[in-house]
Amino acid sequence: MDTKELLKKVRKIEIKTRRLSDHIFGGEYHSTFKGRGMTFSEVRQYQYGDDVRNIDWNVTARTNEPHIKVFEEERELTMMLMVDISGSELFGTEEQFKSEVVTEIAATLAFSATQNNDKIGLILFSDEVELYIPPKKGKSHVLRIIRELIEFHPKSKNTNVAEALKFLSSVMKKKAIVFVLSDFIADDYNHTLKIAARKHDVTGIRVYDKHEETIPNLGMVQMLDEETGELMLVNTSSKKVRINYGKFYRQKVDYYNDSFTKSGAGVIDCRVDESYVKKLLGYFKRRG
């Protein structure tokens, strides 16, 4: 992709997702993810309606007029976006690939965090961590994240969620808001997720295509495994094949739901042909 085309794509995503974060998500994000607590701001004269519990008795005694302590939210937070860039993300039978929806969701979350003056970092992973961008503030930093989401070419097509979560735990020593975006066609990440969720506020966002859930009866079909690169002939007219595939897919989804829920982490399911806006808003409002 040449520079002009890349910038055009970045700009298109920026316009769409920034509008969402400005008008919809900024306030919801702020109320959902609180700061580290309240910190002292100033002392001012008592006004009718102020909480008497906040009266500063030392200043009141010195001035012979009631004064109160004013506190404000210690807001600064860090958001980490962990994005699966393995081969299976390049699947899509509707208008968009899963990877394109993931990019839009990540950009919307990043702009929402920026609007609240929070830092944003990025981890791109396959079966290894392919790219790490340390958390920073600002629009130019978010635009760099979007560029990487669009343009980055992974070395591997396989997936290892556990490896990415281990890396998160090693680089993020303070509590962060963590969004893991993947189709979660993976397993063996339960233990590392529990460790990460003890320290961080973790949410899994599963992005999937409805045609991944079942195999239609199309006779003999040549299929490509995007992660292994293996071509295989599959007899989709076989009921047994379709049932076994359905079981395999359901096991992965159940493992995802079970792992995140038992770890105390949040879960969001986004189908590529449905509105991720409604899904994110619903999640924020439930938690707010």
C-alpha atoms as a PDB file:
ATOM      1  CA  MET A   1       0.000   0.000   0.000  1.00  0.00           C
ATOM      2  CA  ASP A   2       1.523   3.369  -1.005  1.00  0.00           C
ATOM      3  CA  THR A   3       1.704   6.309   1.415  1.00  0.00           C
ATOM      4  CA  LYS A   4      -1.115   8.268  -0.236  1.00  0.00           C
ATOM      5  CA  GLU A   5      -3.530   5.322  -0.046  1.00  0.00           C
ATOM      6  CA  LEU A   6      -2.523   4.591   3.556  1.00  0.00           C
ATOM      7  CA  LEU A   7      -3.115   8.194   4.649  1.00  0.00           C
ATOM      8  CA  LYS A   8      -6.486   8.172   2.900  1.00  0.00           C
ATOM      9  CA  LYS A   9      -7.504   5.021   4.803  1.00  0.00           C
ATOM     10  CA  VAL A  10      -6.266   6.427   8.124  1.00  0.00           C
ATOM     11  CA  ARG A  11      -8.199   9.655   7.528  1.00  0.00           C
ATOM     12  CA  LYS A  12     -11.385   7.753   6.666  1.00  0.00           C
ATOM     13  CA  ILE A  13     -11.178   5.690   9.858  1.00  0.00           C
ATOM     14  CA  GLU A  14     -10.292   8.787  11.903  1.00  0.00           C
ATOM     15  CA  ILE A  15     -13.362  10.712  10.695  1.00  0.00           C
ATOM     16  CA  LYS A  16     -15.744   7.810  11.358  1.00  0.00           C
ATOM     17  CA  THR A  17     -14.400   6.680  14.719  1.00  0.00           C
ATOM     18  CA  ARG A  18     -13.579  10.107  16.120  1.00  0.00           C
ATOM     19  CA  ARG A  19     -17.156  11.238  15.522  1.00  0.00           C
ATOM     20  CA  LEU A  20     -18.342   8.211  17.493  1.00  0.00           C
ATOM     21  CA  SER A  21     -15.919   8.816  20.355  1.00  0.00           C
ATOM     22  CA  ASP A  22     -16.731  12.556  20.503  1.00  0.00           C
ATOM     23  CA  HIS A  23     -20.510  12.263  20.464  1.00  0.00           C
ATOM     24  CA  ILE A  24     -21.203   8.844  21.941  1.00  0.00           C
ATOM     25  CA  PHE A  25     -18.361   7.101  23.715  1.00  0.00           C
ATOM     26  CA  GLY A  26     -16.365   9.872  25.412  1.00  0.00           C
ATOM     27  CA  GLY A  27     -18.797  10.340  28.305  1.00  0.00           C
ATOM     28  CA  GLU A  28     -19.697   6.647  28.571  1.00  0.00           C
ATOM     29  CA  TYR A  29     -16.006   5.699  28.644  1.00  0.00           C
ATOM     30  CA  HIS A  30     -15.322   8.288  31.365  1.00  0.00           C
ATOM     31  CA  SER A  31     -18.153   7.082  33.591  1.00  0.00           C
ATOM     32  CA  THR A  32     -17.289   3.400  33.041  1.00  0.00           C
ATOM     33  CA  PHE A  33     -13.557   3.586  33.741  1.00  0.00           C
ATOM     34  CA  LYS A  34     -12.922   5.642  36.845  1.00  0.00           C
ATOM     35  CA  GLY A  35      -9.637   7.159  37.905  1.00  0.00           C
ATOM     36  CA  ARG A  36      -7.493   5.999  40.798  1.00  0.00           C
ATOM     37  CA  GLY A  37      -9.585   7.923  43.342  1.00  0.00           C
ATOM     38  CA  MET A  38     -10.100  11.455  44.582  1.00  0.00           C
ATOM     39  CA  THR A  39      -7.223  13.840  45.116  1.00  0.00           C
ATOM     40  CA  PHE A  40      -7.164  17.169  46.997  1.00  0.00           C
ATOM     41  CA  SER A  41      -7.598  20.209  44.729  1.00  0.00           C
ATOM     42  CA  GLU A  42      -8.178  23.364  46.810  1.00  0.00           C
ATOM     43  CA  VAL A  43      -9.855  25.000  49.815  1.00  0.00           C
ATOM     44  CA  ARG A  44     -12.695  27.467  49.240  1.00  0.00           C
ATOM     45  CA  GLN A  45     -15.435  29.162  51.253  1.00  0.00           C
ATOM     46  CA  TYR A  46     -18.392  27.020  52.226  1.00  0.00           C
ATOM     47  CA  GLN A  47     -21.458  27.473  49.985  1.00  0.00           C
ATOM     48  CA  TYR A  48     -25.046  26.431  50.672  1.00  0.00           C
ATOM     49  CA  GLY A  49     -25.489  22.780  49.690  1.00  0.00           C
ATOM     50  CA  ASP A  50     -21.820  21.754  50.215  1.00  0.00           C
ATOM     51  CA  ASP A  51     -21.155  18.522  52.087  1.00  0.00           C
ATOM     52  CA  VAL A  52     -20.383  19.456  55.710  1.00  0.00           C
ATOM     53  CA  ARG A  53     -18.128  16.389  55.928  1.00  0.00           C
ATOM     54  CA  ASN A  54     -15.620  18.230  53.712  1.00  0.00           C
ATOM     55  CA  ILE A  55     -15.268  21.252  56.021  1.00  0.00           C
ATOM     56  CA  ASP A  56     -11.616  22.141  56.669  1.00  0.00           C
ATOM     57  CA  TRP A  57     -11.757  22.911  60.402  1.00  0.00           C
ATOM     58  CA  ASN A  58      -8.214  24.328  60.583  1.00  0.00           C
ATOM     59  CA  VAL A  59      -8.864  26.979  57.907  1.00  0.00           C
ATOM     60  CA  THR A  60     -12.351  27.631  59.319  1.00  0.00           C
ATOM     61  CA  ALA A  61     -10.893  28.301  62.803  1.00  0.00           C
ATOM     62  CA  ARG A  62      -8.153  30.542  61.388  1.00  0.00           C
ATOM     63  CA  THR A  63     -10.475  32.699  59.258  1.00  0.00           C
ATOM     64  CA  ASN A  64     -13.627  32.540  61.394  1.00  0.00           C
ATOM     65  CA  GLU A  65     -15.535  31.591  58.232  1.00  0.00           C
ATOM     66  CA  PRO A  66     -16.451  28.051  57.141  1.00  0.00           C
ATOM     67  CA  HIS A  67     -14.227  26.615  54.368  1.00  0.00           C
ATOM     68  CA  ILE A  68     -14.360  23.241  52.655  1.00  0.00           C
ATOM     69  CA  LYS A  69     -11.815  21.000  50.959  1.00  0.00           C
ATOM     70  CA  VAL A  70     -12.457  20.429  47.244  1.00  0.00           C
ATOM     71  CA  PHE A  71     -11.471  17.113  45.718  1.00  0.00           C
ATOM     72  CA  GLU A  72     -11.306  16.055  42.087  1.00  0.00           C
ATOM     73  CA  GLU A  73     -10.982  12.708  40.373  1.00  0.00           C
ATOM     74  CA  GLU A  74      -7.412  11.591  39.819  1.00  0.00           C
ATOM     75  CA  ARG A  75      -8.208  10.735  36.227  1.00  0.00           C
ATOM     76  CA  GLU A  76      -5.092   9.692  34.341  1.00  0.00           C
ATOM     77  CA  LEU A  77      -5.474   6.112  33.142  1.00  0.00           C
ATOM     78  CA  THR A  78      -3.713   3.888  30.645  1.00  0.00           C
ATOM     79  CA  MET A  79      -5.522   1.887  27.966  1.00  0.00           C
ATOM     80  CA  MET A  80      -3.801  -1.072  26.303  1.00  0.00           C
ATOM     81  CA  LEU A  81      -5.205  -2.383  23.036  1.00  0.00           C
ATOM     82  CA  MET A  82      -4.191  -6.001  22.413  1.00  0.00           C
ATOM     83  CA  VAL A  83      -5.030  -6.896  18.817  1.00  0.00           C
ATOM     84  CA  ASP A  84      -4.908 -10.343  17.211  1.00  0.00           C
ATOM     85  CA  ILE A  85      -3.388 -10.018  13.716  1.00  0.00           C
ATOM     86  CA  SER A  86      -3.200 -13.745  12.914  1.00  0.00           C
ATOM     87  CA  GLY A  87      -4.387 -15.198   9.610  1.00  0.00           C
ATOM     88  CA  SER A  88      -7.929 -15.953  10.745  1.00  0.00           C
ATOM     89  CA  GLU A  89      -8.625 -12.214  11.111  1.00  0.00           C
ATOM     90  CA  LEU A  90      -8.561 -11.929   7.317  1.00  0.00           C
ATOM     91  CA  PHE A  91     -11.862 -13.778   7.034  1.00  0.00           C
ATOM     92  CA  GLY A  92     -15.066 -12.071   5.985  1.00  0.00           C
ATOM     93  CA  THR A  93     -18.135 -12.977   3.953  1.00  0.00           C
ATOM     94  CA  GLU A  94     -20.053  -9.738   4.448  1.00  0.00           C
ATOM     95  CA  GLU A  95     -18.935  -6.184   3.641  1.00  0.00           C
ATOM     96  CA  GLN A  96     -15.844  -6.205   5.875  1.00  0.00           C
ATOM     97  CA  PHE A  97     -13.060  -8.500   7.033  1.00  0.00           C
ATOM     98  CA  LYS A  98     -12.873  -9.161  10.766  1.00  0.00           C
ATOM     99  CA  SER A  99      -9.583  -7.236  10.825  1.00  0.00           C
ATOM    100  CA  GLU A 100     -11.284  -4.105   9.443  1.00  0.00           C
ATOM    101  CA  VAL A 101     -13.972  -4.178  12.140  1.00  0.00           C
ATOM    102  CA  VAL A 102     -11.272  -4.743  14.780  1.00  0.00           C
ATOM    103  CA  THR A 103      -9.400  -1.663  13.504  1.00  0.00           C
ATOM    104  CA  GLU A 104     -12.532   0.503  13.741  1.00  0.00           C
ATOM    105  CA  ILE A 105     -13.334  -0.709  17.266  1.00  0.00           C
ATOM    106  CA  ALA A 106      -9.733  -0.141  18.402  1.00  0.00           C
ATOM    107  CA  ALA A 107      -9.697   3.369  16.880  1.00  0.00           C
ATOM    108  CA  THR A 108     -13.008   4.286  18.553  1.00  0.00           C
ATOM    109  CA  LEU A 109     -11.716   3.128  21.944  1.00  0.00           C
ATOM    110  CA  ALA A 110      -8.415   4.966  21.432  1.00  0.00           C
ATOM    111  CA  PHE A 111     -10.104   8.270  20.569  1.00  0.00           C
ATOM    112  CA  SER A 112     -12.446   7.856  23.571  1.00  0.00           C
ATOM    113  CA  ALA A 113      -9.392   7.458  25.814  1.00  0.00           C
ATOM    114  CA  THR A 114      -7.694  10.470  24.187  1.00  0.00           C
ATOM    115  CA  GLN A 115     -10.769  12.609  24.775  1.00  0.00           C
ATOM    116  CA  ASN A 116     -10.358  11.800  28.488  1.00  0.00           C
ATOM    117  CA  ASN A 117      -6.630  12.580  28.383  1.00  0.00           C
ATOM    118  CA  ASP A 118      -5.620   8.957  29.001  1.00  0.00           C
ATOM    119  CA  LYS A 119      -2.599   7.174  27.577  1.00  0.00           C
ATOM    120  CA  ILE A 120      -3.011   4.504  24.891  1.00  0.00           C
ATOM    121  CA  GLY A 121      -0.655   1.645  24.049  1.00  0.00           C
ATOM    122  CA  LEU A 122      -0.801  -1.135  21.459  1.00  0.00           C
ATOM    123  CA  ILE A 123       0.207  -4.801  21.362  1.00  0.00           C
ATOM    124  CA  LEU A 124      -0.150  -6.582  18.015  1.00  0.00           C
ATOM    125  CA  PHE A 125       0.131 -10.356  18.371  1.00  0.00           C
ATOM    126  CA  SER A 126      -0.031 -13.600  16.422  1.00  0.00           C
ATOM    127  CA  ASP A 127       1.586 -16.579  18.148  1.00  0.00           C
ATOM    128  CA  GLU A 128       4.194 -14.049  19.334  1.00  0.00           C
ATOM    129  CA  VAL A 129       4.167 -10.344  20.101  1.00  0.00           C
ATOM    130  CA  GLU A 130       4.763  -8.731  16.701  1.00  0.00           C
ATOM    131  CA  LEU A 131       4.695  -5.063  17.745  1.00  0.00           C
ATOM    132  CA  TYR A 132       4.581  -3.140  21.003  1.00  0.00           C
ATOM    133  CA  ILE A 133       3.874   0.606  21.111  1.00  0.00           C
ATOM    134  CA  PRO A 134       4.276   1.955  24.680  1.00  0.00           C
ATOM    135  CA  PRO A 135       1.394   4.058  26.053  1.00  0.00           C
ATOM    136  CA  LYS A 136       1.369   7.759  25.193  1.00  0.00           C
ATOM    137  CA  LYS A 137      -1.170  10.573  24.921  1.00  0.00           C
ATOM    138  CA  GLY A 138      -2.339  12.605  21.954  1.00  0.00           C
ATOM    139  CA  LYS A 139      -4.019  12.491  18.563  1.00  0.00           C
ATOM    140  CA  SER A 140      -0.795  11.923  16.598  1.00  0.00           C
ATOM    141  CA  HIS A 141      -0.083   8.860  18.738  1.00  0.00           C
ATOM    142  CA  VAL A 142      -3.581   7.452  18.039  1.00  0.00           C
ATOM    143  CA  LEU A 143      -3.087   8.041  14.302  1.00  0.00           C
ATOM    144  CA  ARG A 144       0.164   6.063  14.475  1.00  0.00           C
ATOM    145  CA  ILE A 145      -1.736   3.201  16.149  1.00  0.00           C
ATOM    146  CA  ILE A 146      -4.358   3.273  13.367  1.00  0.00           C
ATOM    147  CA  ARG A 147      -1.621   3.233  10.702  1.00  0.00           C
ATOM    148  CA  GLU A 148      -0.056   0.148  12.273  1.00  0.00           C
ATOM    149  CA  LEU A 149      -3.447  -1.593  12.502  1.00  0.00           C
ATOM    150  CA  ILE A 150      -4.008  -1.002   8.784  1.00  0.00           C
ATOM    151  CA  GLU A 151      -0.525  -1.587   7.417  1.00  0.00           C
ATOM    152  CA  PHE A 152       1.312  -4.006   9.690  1.00  0.00           C
ATOM    153  CA  HIS A 153       2.207  -7.380   8.122  1.00  0.00           C
ATOM    154  CA  PRO A 154       2.666 -10.165  10.704  1.00  0.00           C
ATOM    155  CA  LYS A 155       5.521 -12.652  10.480  1.00  0.00           C
ATOM    156  CA  SER A 156       3.256 -15.482  11.640  1.00  0.00           C
ATOM    157  CA  LYS A 157      -0.349 -16.413  10.824  1.00  0.00           C
ATOM    158  CA  ASN A 158      -0.895 -18.471  13.982  1.00  0.00           C
ATOM    159  CA  THR A 159      -2.466 -17.346  17.283  1.00  0.00           C
ATOM    160  CA  ASN A 160      -1.282 -17.520  20.880  1.00  0.00           C
ATOM    161  CA  VAL A 161      -3.386 -15.387  23.228  1.00  0.00           C
ATOM    162  CA  ALA A 162      -1.493 -16.643  26.293  1.00  0.00           C
ATOM    163  CA  GLU A 163       1.852 -15.379  24.935  1.00  0.00           C
ATOM    164  CA  ALA A 164       0.373 -11.908  24.400  1.00  0.00           C
ATOM    165  CA  LEU A 165      -1.082 -11.826  27.933  1.00  0.00           C
ATOM    166  CA  LYS A 166       2.290 -12.877  29.398  1.00  0.00           C
ATOM    167  CA  PHE A 167       3.919  -9.986  27.557  1.00  0.00           C
ATOM    168  CA  LEU A 168       1.272  -7.583  28.890  1.00  0.00           C
ATOM    169  CA  SER A 169       1.992  -8.661  32.465  1.00  0.00           C
ATOM    170  CA  SER A 170       5.728  -8.146  31.928  1.00  0.00           C
ATOM    171  CA  VAL A 171       5.516  -4.602  30.484  1.00  0.00           C
ATOM    172  CA  MET A 172       2.541  -3.118  32.393  1.00  0.00           C
ATOM    173  CA  LYS A 173       3.448  -2.815  36.060  1.00  0.00           C
ATOM    174  CA  LYS A 174       0.585  -0.434  36.948  1.00  0.00           C
ATOM    175  CA  LYS A 175      -3.112  -1.123  36.503  1.00  0.00           C
ATOM    176  CA  ALA A 176      -4.395  -0.538  32.959  1.00  0.00           C
ATOM    177  CA  ILE A 177      -7.675  -0.784  31.046  1.00  0.00           C
ATOM    178  CA  VAL A 178      -7.049  -3.672  28.644  1.00  0.00           C
ATOM    179  CA  PHE A 179      -9.091  -4.600  25.583  1.00  0.00           C
ATOM    180  CA  VAL A 180      -8.183  -7.892  23.877  1.00  0.00           C
ATOM    181  CA  LEU A 181      -9.580  -7.952  20.316  1.00  0.00           C
ATOM    182  CA  SER A 182      -9.606 -11.340  18.614  1.00  0.00           C
ATOM    183  CA  ASP A 183     -11.857 -14.057  17.194  1.00  0.00           C
ATOM    184  CA  PHE A 184     -10.555 -16.222  20.073  1.00  0.00           C
ATOM    185  CA  ILE A 185     -10.243 -19.371  17.950  1.00  0.00           C
ATOM    186  CA  ALA A 186      -7.616 -20.393  20.475  1.00  0.00           C
ATOM    187  CA  ASP A 187      -7.239 -22.078  23.846  1.00  0.00           C
ATOM    188  CA  ASP A 188      -4.783 -22.545  26.735  1.00  0.00           C
ATOM    189  CA  TYR A 189      -4.910 -18.915  27.844  1.00  0.00           C
ATOM    190  CA  ASN A 190      -7.082 -19.385  30.953  1.00  0.00           C
ATOM    191  CA  HIS A 191      -4.207 -19.255  33.478  1.00  0.00           C
ATOM    192  CA  THR A 192      -2.411 -16.223  31.988  1.00  0.00           C
ATOM    193  CA  LEU A 193      -5.747 -14.393  31.704  1.00  0.00           C
ATOM    194  CA  LYS A 194      -6.428 -14.915  35.421  1.00  0.00           C
ATOM    195  CA  ILE A 195      -3.012 -13.416  36.270  1.00  0.00           C
ATOM    196  CA  ALA A 196      -3.576 -10.402  33.987  1.00  0.00           C
ATOM    197  CA  ALA A 197      -7.144  -9.820  35.252  1.00  0.00           C
ATOM    198  CA  ARG A 198      -5.965  -9.698  38.880  1.00  0.00           C
ATOM    199  CA  LYS A 199      -3.951  -6.562  38.117  1.00  0.00           C
ATOM    200  CA  HIS A 200      -5.741  -4.995  35.130  1.00  0.00           C
ATOM    201  CA  ASP A 201      -9.295  -4.172  34.064  1.00  0.00           C
ATOM    202  CA  VAL A 202      -9.565  -6.653  31.161  1.00  0.00           C
ATOM    203  CA  THR A 203     -12.276  -6.948  28.498  1.00  0.00           C
ATOM    204  CA  GLY A 204     -12.329  -9.460  25.655  1.00  0.00           C
ATOM    205  CA  ILE A 205     -13.920  -8.313  22.392  1.00  0.00           C
ATOM    206  CA  ARG A 206     -14.705 -11.304  20.186  1.00  0.00           C
ATOM    207  CA  VAL A 207     -15.136 -10.271  16.541  1.00  0.00           C
ATOM    208  CA  TYR A 208     -16.570 -12.988  14.335  1.00  0.00           C
ATOM    209  CA  ASP A 209     -18.395 -13.714  11.076  1.00  0.00           C
ATOM    210  CA  LYS A 210     -21.732 -15.540  11.171  1.00  0.00           C
ATOM    211  CA  HIS A 211     -20.518 -17.975   8.493  1.00  0.00           C
ATOM    212  CA  GLU A 212     -17.787 -19.225  10.849  1.00  0.00           C
ATOM    213  CA  GLU A 213     -20.375 -20.673  13.200  1.00  0.00           C
ATOM    214  CA  THR A 214     -21.598 -23.424  10.861  1.00  0.00           C
ATOM    215  CA  ILE A 215     -20.547 -24.988   7.554  1.00  0.00           C
ATOM    216  CA  PRO A 216     -23.284 -24.898   4.889  1.00  0.00           C
ATOM    217  CA  ASN A 217     -23.991 -27.973   2.737  1.00  0.00           C
ATOM    218  CA  LEU A 218     -22.057 -27.126  -0.466  1.00  0.00           C
ATOM    219  CA  GLY A 219     -20.715 -30.571  -1.391  1.00  0.00           C
ATOM    220  CA  MET A 220     -16.951 -31.056  -1.826  1.00  0.00           C
ATOM    221  CA  VAL A 221     -15.228 -27.720  -1.156  1.00  0.00           C
ATOM    222  CA  GLN A 222     -11.549 -26.789  -1.181  1.00  0.00           C
ATOM    223  CA  MET A 223     -10.781 -24.789   1.969  1.00  0.00           C
ATOM    224  CA  LEU A 224      -7.724 -22.840   3.044  1.00  0.00           C
ATOM    225  CA  ASP A 225      -6.689 -22.648   6.679  1.00  0.00           C
ATOM    226  CA  GLU A 226      -5.508 -19.025   6.945  1.00  0.00           C
ATOM    227  CA  GLU A 227      -3.354 -19.781   9.970  1.00  0.00           C
ATOM    228  CA  THR A 228      -1.530 -22.891   8.722  1.00  0.00           C
ATOM    229  CA  GLY A 229      -1.751 -22.216   4.981  1.00  0.00           C
ATOM    230  CA  GLU A 230      -3.018 -25.782   4.466  1.00  0.00           C
ATOM    231  CA  LEU A 231      -5.389 -26.496   1.567  1.00  0.00           C
ATOM    232  CA  MET A 232      -7.859 -29.296   2.150  1.00  0.00           C
ATOM    233  CA  LEU A 233     -10.891 -30.859   0.499  1.00  0.00           C
ATOM    234  CA  VAL A 234     -13.887 -30.872   2.822  1.00  0.00           C
ATOM    235  CA  ASN A 235     -17.057 -32.841   2.192  1.00  0.00           C
ATOM    236  CA  THR A 236     -19.603 -30.308   3.482  1.00  0.00           C
ATOM    237  CA  SER A 237     -22.496 -32.552   2.457  1.00  0.00           C
ATOM    238  CA  SER A 238     -21.482 -34.900   5.297  1.00  0.00           C
ATOM    239  CA  LYS A 239     -23.683 -34.276   8.327  1.00  0.00           C
ATOM    240  CA  LYS A 240     -20.956 -35.653  10.583  1.00  0.00           C
ATOM    241  CA  VAL A 241     -18.417 -33.137   9.241  1.00  0.00           C
ATOM    242  CA  ARG A 242     -20.817 -30.246   9.803  1.00  0.00           C
ATOM    243  CA  ILE A 243     -21.694 -31.428  13.337  1.00  0.00           C
ATOM    244  CA  ASN A 244     -18.022 -31.909  14.286  1.00  0.00           C
ATOM    245  CA  TYR A 245     -17.119 -28.468  12.986  1.00  0.00           C
ATOM    246  CA  GLY A 246     -20.016 -26.904  14.926  1.00  0.00           C
ATOM    247  CA  LYS A 247     -18.826 -28.637  18.114  1.00  0.00           C
ATOM    248  CA  PHE A 248     -15.241 -27.449  17.553  1.00  0.00           C
ATOM    249  CA  TYR A 249     -16.351 -23.846  17.036  1.00  0.00           C
ATOM    250  CA  ARG A 250     -18.722 -23.913  20.030  1.00  0.00           C
ATOM    251  CA  GLN A 251     -15.953 -25.288  22.269  1.00  0.00           C
ATOM    252  CA  LYS A 252     -13.725 -22.296  21.398  1.00  0.00           C
ATOM    253  CA  VAL A 253     -16.533 -19.797  22.084  1.00  0.00           C
ATOM    254  CA  ASP A 254     -17.479 -21.506  25.367  1.00  0.00           C
ATOM    255  CA  TYR A 255     -13.819 -21.549  26.434  1.00  0.00           C
ATOM    256  CA  TYR A 256     -13.599 -17.793  25.724  1.00  0.00           C
ATOM    257  CA  ASN A 257     -16.771 -16.969  27.673  1.00  0.00           C
ATOM    258  CA  ASP A 258     -15.869 -19.267  30.558  1.00  0.00           C
ATOM    259  CA  SER A 259     -12.251 -18.045  30.817  1.00  0.00           C
ATOM    260  CA  PHE A 260     -13.089 -14.342  30.783  1.00  0.00           C
ATOM    261  CA  THR A 261     -16.121 -14.594  33.073  1.00  0.00           C
ATOM    262  CA  LYS A 262     -14.367 -16.722  35.717  1.00  0.00           C
ATOM    263  CA  SER A 263     -11.361 -14.374  35.633  1.00  0.00           C
ATOM    264  CA  GLY A 264     -13.612 -11.427  36.455  1.00  0.00           C
ATOM    265  CA  ALA A 265     -12.996  -9.919  32.993  1.00  0.00           C
ATOM    266  CA  GLY A 266     -15.642  -8.454  30.701  1.00  0.00           C
ATOM    267  CA  VAL A 267     -16.867  -9.936  27.412  1.00  0.00           C
ATOM    268  CA  ILE A 268     -18.268  -8.337  24.269  1.00  0.00           C
ATOM    269  CA  ASP A 269     -19.350 -10.287  21.164  1.00  0.00           C
ATOM    270  CA  CYS A 270     -19.337  -8.340  17.877  1.00  0.00           C
ATOM    271  CA  ARG A 271     -20.516  -9.951  14.648  1.00  0.00           C
ATOM    272  CA  VAL A 272     -19.102  -8.199  11.576  1.00  0.00           C
ATOM    273  CA  ASP A 273     -22.556  -7.586  10.065  1.00  0.00           C
ATOM    274  CA  GLU A 274     -23.934  -6.084  13.291  1.00  0.00           C
ATOM    275  CA  SER A 275     -23.392  -2.661  14.882  1.00  0.00           C
ATOM    276  CA  TYR A 276     -20.339  -2.680  17.144  1.00  0.00           C
ATOM    277  CA  VAL A 277     -21.501   0.760  18.329  1.00  0.00           C
ATOM    278  CA  LYS A 278     -24.565  -0.741  20.049  1.00  0.00           C
ATOM    279  CA  LYS A 279     -22.463  -3.551  21.542  1.00  0.00           C
ATOM    280  CA  LEU A 280     -19.875  -1.167  23.020  1.00  0.00           C
ATOM    281  CA  LEU A 281     -22.491   1.277  24.305  1.00  0.00           C
ATOM    282  CA  GLY A 282     -24.488  -1.514  25.910  1.00  0.00           C
ATOM    283  CA  TYR A 283     -21.346  -2.807  27.625  1.00  0.00           C
ATOM    284  CA  PHE A 284     -20.331   0.646  28.901  1.00  0.00           C
ATOM    285  CA  LYS A 285     -23.838   1.350  30.254  1.00  0.00           C
ATOM    286  CA  ARG A 286     -24.021  -2.009  32.047  1.00  0.00           C
ATOM    287  CA  ARG A 287     -20.713  -1.289  33.734  1.00  0.00           C
ATOM    288  CA  GLY A 288     -21.199   2.452  34.327  1.00  0.00           C
END
